[in-house]
Amino acid sequence: MKEETCSILVAFAHAEGIGRKAILEIRTRNRLGVEQNGKLLTSTEFEASVRQAYNYALRILGDPVIEHGFSWSLQPTPGDFVPVGNPDGGSLYGGFAMTFLQLIARTAPLNCENVRSQIWTQIPAIREACISKVAISAEGEKHTGDFCRTGGITQKIVRLRELKSTELTAFIVCRAQDDLPPDVSFPILNASDPVDAFGKLFEYQTRLILRRIL
């Protein structure tokens, strides 16, 4: 099996309120299941958000047959010498959900009969949107997988401001995240769920490309 990799920037906060940023990278692997490629200590809430994100991606894509597994890791952003730290809480749900969606959409056989028509129209966006220079911080609603507000958003934005404009092109948050500081210097994309986030991101990136051409 050819190894596939997807990555996204994630912003999260530790229990003590300290903001963190990192690169979430997920790779396909031959062994089934999802496991960490590293030795970070994780909380029960965090592990639950990873499982929820994986199950959400499978459900949205029609429960395709998966013949491979996944390994994930959190890595420092370029030039960041602050340790990533041990992930805590559920605000990394959004990053895991979007990355699982893209990897599964790219590597598993999808059947349009098993996928809702509204979702099927978004498959090109899920497969093709560039998420490696996009940041996200969003928790998941327990039953639907929709995005929920997350705490510590100001501390997270402080850390994201350390990135260059070429390293961070947009920040995805829950549509109900109404406590953003007024002086955010990078584009904010408000989304209701991971699929909506892909749709908004793909449209935004397409407009940027058209502006360069025209």
Protein backbone atom coordinates (compact mmCIF):
# COMPACT_ATOMS: atom_id res chain seq x y z
CA MET A 1 0.00 0.00 0.00
CA LYS A 2 1.26 3.45 -0.92
CA GLU A 3 1.46 5.63 2.17
CA GLU A 4 -0.74 8.73 2.16
CA THR A 5 -0.30 11.68 4.50
CA CYS A 6 -2.45 14.67 5.39
CA SER A 7 -1.66 17.45 7.84
CA ILE A 8 -3.40 20.48 9.31
CA LEU A 9 -2.48 23.16 11.84
CA VAL A 10 -4.25 22.86 15.18
CA ALA A 11 -4.61 25.35 18.01
CA PHE A 12 -5.40 24.09 21.49
CA ALA A 13 -4.97 25.05 25.13
CA HIS A 14 -3.76 23.09 28.12
CA ALA A 15 -5.75 22.83 31.32
CA GLU A 16 -3.78 25.74 32.77
CA GLY A 17 -4.95 27.95 29.89
CA ILE A 18 -1.66 28.10 27.99
CA GLY A 19 -2.19 28.29 24.24
CA ARG A 20 -0.45 25.81 21.96
CA LYS A 21 -0.15 25.30 18.22
CA ALA A 22 1.10 22.26 16.36
CA ILE A 23 1.00 20.36 13.09
CA LEU A 24 -1.37 17.41 13.24
CA GLU A 25 -0.17 14.78 10.77
CA ILE A 26 -2.08 11.58 10.02
CA ARG A 27 -0.62 8.81 7.87
CA THR A 28 -2.09 5.63 6.48
CA ARG A 29 -0.50 2.38 7.63
CA ASN A 30 -0.93 -1.32 6.88
CA ARG A 31 -2.24 -2.28 10.31
CA LEU A 32 -5.92 -1.52 10.96
CA GLY A 33 -7.04 0.92 13.63
CA VAL A 34 -5.93 4.36 14.81
CA GLU A 35 -2.96 4.90 17.08
CA GLN A 36 -0.46 7.57 18.06
CA ASN A 37 2.96 7.71 16.46
CA GLY A 38 4.74 9.12 19.49
CA LYS A 39 4.76 9.13 23.27
CA LEU A 40 2.50 12.04 24.22
CA LEU A 41 0.35 11.57 27.28
CA THR A 42 -3.30 12.04 26.33
CA SER A 43 -6.43 12.67 28.37
CA THR A 44 -9.65 10.66 28.28
CA GLU A 45 -11.49 13.63 26.74
CA PHE A 46 -8.88 13.97 24.02
CA GLU A 47 -8.99 10.26 23.15
CA ALA A 48 -12.78 10.45 22.96
CA SER A 49 -12.56 13.35 20.51
CA VAL A 50 -10.18 11.36 18.26
CA ARG A 51 -12.57 8.40 18.20
CA GLN A 52 -15.51 10.71 17.55
CA ALA A 53 -13.69 12.37 14.64
CA TYR A 54 -12.82 9.01 13.07
CA ASN A 55 -16.35 7.66 13.44
CA TYR A 56 -17.78 10.92 12.05
CA ALA A 57 -15.62 10.66 8.93
CA LEU A 58 -16.68 7.05 8.34
CA ARG A 59 -20.37 7.85 8.83
CA ILE A 60 -20.32 10.92 6.58
CA LEU A 61 -18.55 9.01 3.80
CA GLY A 62 -21.01 6.12 3.89
CA ASP A 63 -19.00 3.65 6.00
CA PRO A 64 -16.60 2.64 3.21
CA VAL A 65 -14.48 -0.49 3.52
CA ILE A 66 -11.18 0.54 5.12
CA GLU A 67 -8.30 -1.80 4.32
CA HIS A 68 -5.67 0.17 6.19
CA GLY A 69 -5.21 2.00 9.47
CA PHE A 70 -3.96 5.40 10.55
CA SER A 71 -1.24 6.81 12.78
CA TRP A 72 -1.21 10.38 14.04
CA SER A 73 1.39 12.71 15.50
CA LEU A 74 1.62 16.28 16.77
CA GLN A 75 4.74 18.13 15.61
CA PRO A 76 6.06 21.64 16.34
CA THR A 77 5.41 24.30 13.71
CA PRO A 78 8.44 25.67 11.80
CA GLY A 79 10.79 27.61 14.08
CA ASP A 80 8.79 26.77 17.20
CA PHE A 81 11.04 25.62 20.00
CA VAL A 82 8.23 25.44 22.57
CA PRO A 83 7.32 21.77 23.22
CA VAL A 84 3.95 20.76 21.82
CA GLY A 85 2.96 19.38 25.20
CA ASN A 86 0.45 16.68 25.98
CA PRO A 87 -2.90 17.25 24.23
CA ASP A 88 -5.87 17.75 26.50
CA GLY A 89 -9.57 18.47 25.98
CA GLY A 90 -11.68 18.22 22.84
CA SER A 91 -10.64 21.22 20.75
CA LEU A 92 -8.52 19.07 18.42
CA TYR A 93 -11.68 17.31 17.24
CA GLY A 94 -11.98 19.63 14.25
CA GLY A 95 -8.44 18.95 13.07
CA PHE A 96 -8.81 15.19 13.37
CA ALA A 97 -12.24 15.19 11.69
CA MET A 98 -11.05 17.18 8.67
CA THR A 99 -7.86 15.16 8.28
CA PHE A 100 -9.62 11.80 8.59
CA LEU A 101 -12.24 12.97 6.09
CA GLN A 102 -9.61 13.93 3.52
CA LEU A 103 -7.48 10.80 3.95
CA ILE A 104 -10.44 8.41 3.78
CA ALA A 105 -11.98 10.25 0.81
CA ARG A 106 -8.66 9.96 -1.02
CA THR A 107 -7.85 6.34 -0.18
CA ALA A 108 -11.11 4.39 0.33
CA PRO A 109 -13.60 3.38 -2.37
CA LEU A 110 -16.69 5.58 -1.96
CA ASN A 111 -20.15 4.61 -3.16
CA CYS A 112 -22.51 7.46 -4.01
CA GLU A 113 -25.46 5.29 -3.02
CA ASN A 114 -24.21 5.20 0.56
CA VAL A 115 -23.45 8.91 0.84
CA ARG A 116 -26.08 11.62 1.25
CA SER A 117 -26.43 13.68 -1.93
CA GLN A 118 -25.52 16.93 -0.12
CA ILE A 119 -22.30 15.32 1.08
CA TRP A 120 -21.50 13.73 -2.29
CA THR A 121 -21.40 17.13 -3.96
CA GLN A 122 -18.71 18.14 -1.48
CA ILE A 123 -16.41 15.16 -2.14
CA PRO A 124 -14.23 17.13 -4.62
CA ALA A 125 -13.75 19.85 -1.98
CA ILE A 126 -12.91 17.27 0.69
CA ARG A 127 -10.36 15.61 -1.57
CA GLU A 128 -8.76 18.68 -3.12
CA ALA A 129 -8.77 21.48 -0.53
CA CYS A 130 -5.30 22.29 0.79
CA ILE A 131 -5.45 22.02 4.58
CA SER A 132 -1.74 21.93 5.43
CA LYS A 133 -1.54 25.71 5.93
CA VAL A 134 -4.93 26.06 7.58
CA ALA A 135 -5.47 26.14 11.34
CA ILE A 136 -8.54 24.93 13.20
CA SER A 137 -9.86 24.80 16.74
CA ALA A 138 -13.31 23.32 17.28
CA GLU A 139 -14.90 20.76 19.56
CA GLY A 140 -17.46 18.23 18.37
CA GLU A 141 -21.09 17.96 19.37
CA LYS A 142 -21.53 14.58 21.03
CA HIS A 143 -24.35 13.21 18.85
CA THR A 144 -24.04 14.96 15.47
CA GLY A 145 -20.32 15.73 15.15
CA ASP A 146 -21.13 19.36 14.34
CA PHE A 147 -18.64 21.98 15.50
CA CYS A 148 -19.02 23.49 18.99
CA ARG A 149 -17.45 26.53 20.58
CA THR A 150 -14.09 26.00 22.22
CA GLY A 151 -12.51 27.77 25.16
CA GLY A 152 -9.25 29.69 25.33
CA ILE A 153 -9.65 31.09 21.82
CA THR A 154 -7.70 34.27 22.60
CA GLN A 155 -4.66 32.31 23.85
CA LYS A 156 -4.78 30.14 20.75
CA ILE A 157 -4.86 33.14 18.43
CA VAL A 158 -1.86 34.60 20.26
CA ARG A 159 0.12 31.49 19.33
CA LEU A 160 -1.15 31.46 15.73
CA ARG A 161 0.02 35.06 15.28
CA GLU A 162 3.59 33.72 15.56
CA LEU A 163 3.19 32.08 12.14
CA LYS A 164 4.06 33.85 8.90
CA SER A 165 1.31 34.61 6.40
CA THR A 166 2.81 31.97 4.12
CA GLU A 167 2.49 29.40 6.91
CA LEU A 168 -1.09 30.23 7.94
CA THR A 169 -3.64 31.11 5.27
CA ALA A 170 -6.90 30.77 7.27
CA PHE A 171 -8.29 29.82 10.68
CA ILE A 172 -11.42 27.68 10.92
CA VAL A 173 -13.66 28.02 13.97
CA CYS A 174 -17.19 27.05 14.93
CA ARG A 175 -19.90 29.29 13.49
CA ALA A 176 -21.05 30.01 17.06
CA GLN A 177 -17.55 31.10 18.19
CA ASP A 178 -18.52 34.70 18.95
CA ASP A 179 -15.70 35.63 21.33
CA LEU A 180 -12.93 36.18 18.79
CA PRO A 181 -10.74 39.24 19.48
CA PRO A 182 -11.37 42.13 17.03
CA ASP A 183 -7.79 42.45 15.78
CA VAL A 184 -7.27 39.06 14.13
CA SER A 185 -4.90 39.54 11.19
CA PHE A 186 -5.60 36.32 9.28
CA PRO A 187 -8.80 35.18 7.52
CA ILE A 188 -11.43 33.51 9.71
CA LEU A 189 -13.72 30.86 8.24
CA ASN A 190 -16.82 30.10 10.32
CA ALA A 191 -18.20 26.61 9.75
CA SER A 192 -20.99 24.54 11.25
CA ASP A 193 -19.32 21.14 10.77
CA PRO A 194 -16.26 19.54 9.10
CA VAL A 195 -17.95 19.14 5.71
CA ASP A 196 -19.11 22.76 5.77
CA ALA A 197 -15.52 23.73 6.63
CA PHE A 198 -14.22 21.95 3.53
CA GLY A 199 -16.82 23.65 1.37
CA LYS A 200 -15.99 27.11 2.69
CA LEU A 201 -12.24 26.47 2.49
CA PHE A 202 -12.37 25.14 -1.07
CA GLU A 203 -14.45 28.12 -2.19
CA TYR A 204 -12.05 30.54 -0.48
CA GLN A 205 -8.98 28.94 -2.03
CA THR A 206 -10.62 28.84 -5.47
CA ARG A 207 -11.36 32.58 -5.27
CA LEU A 208 -7.72 33.28 -4.40
CA ILE A 209 -6.52 31.30 -7.41
CA LEU A 210 -8.94 33.10 -9.73
CA ARG A 211 -7.74 36.49 -8.44
CA ARG A 212 -4.16 35.59 -9.32
CA ILE A 213 -5.20 34.46 -12.81
CA LEU A 214 -7.43 37.42 -13.51
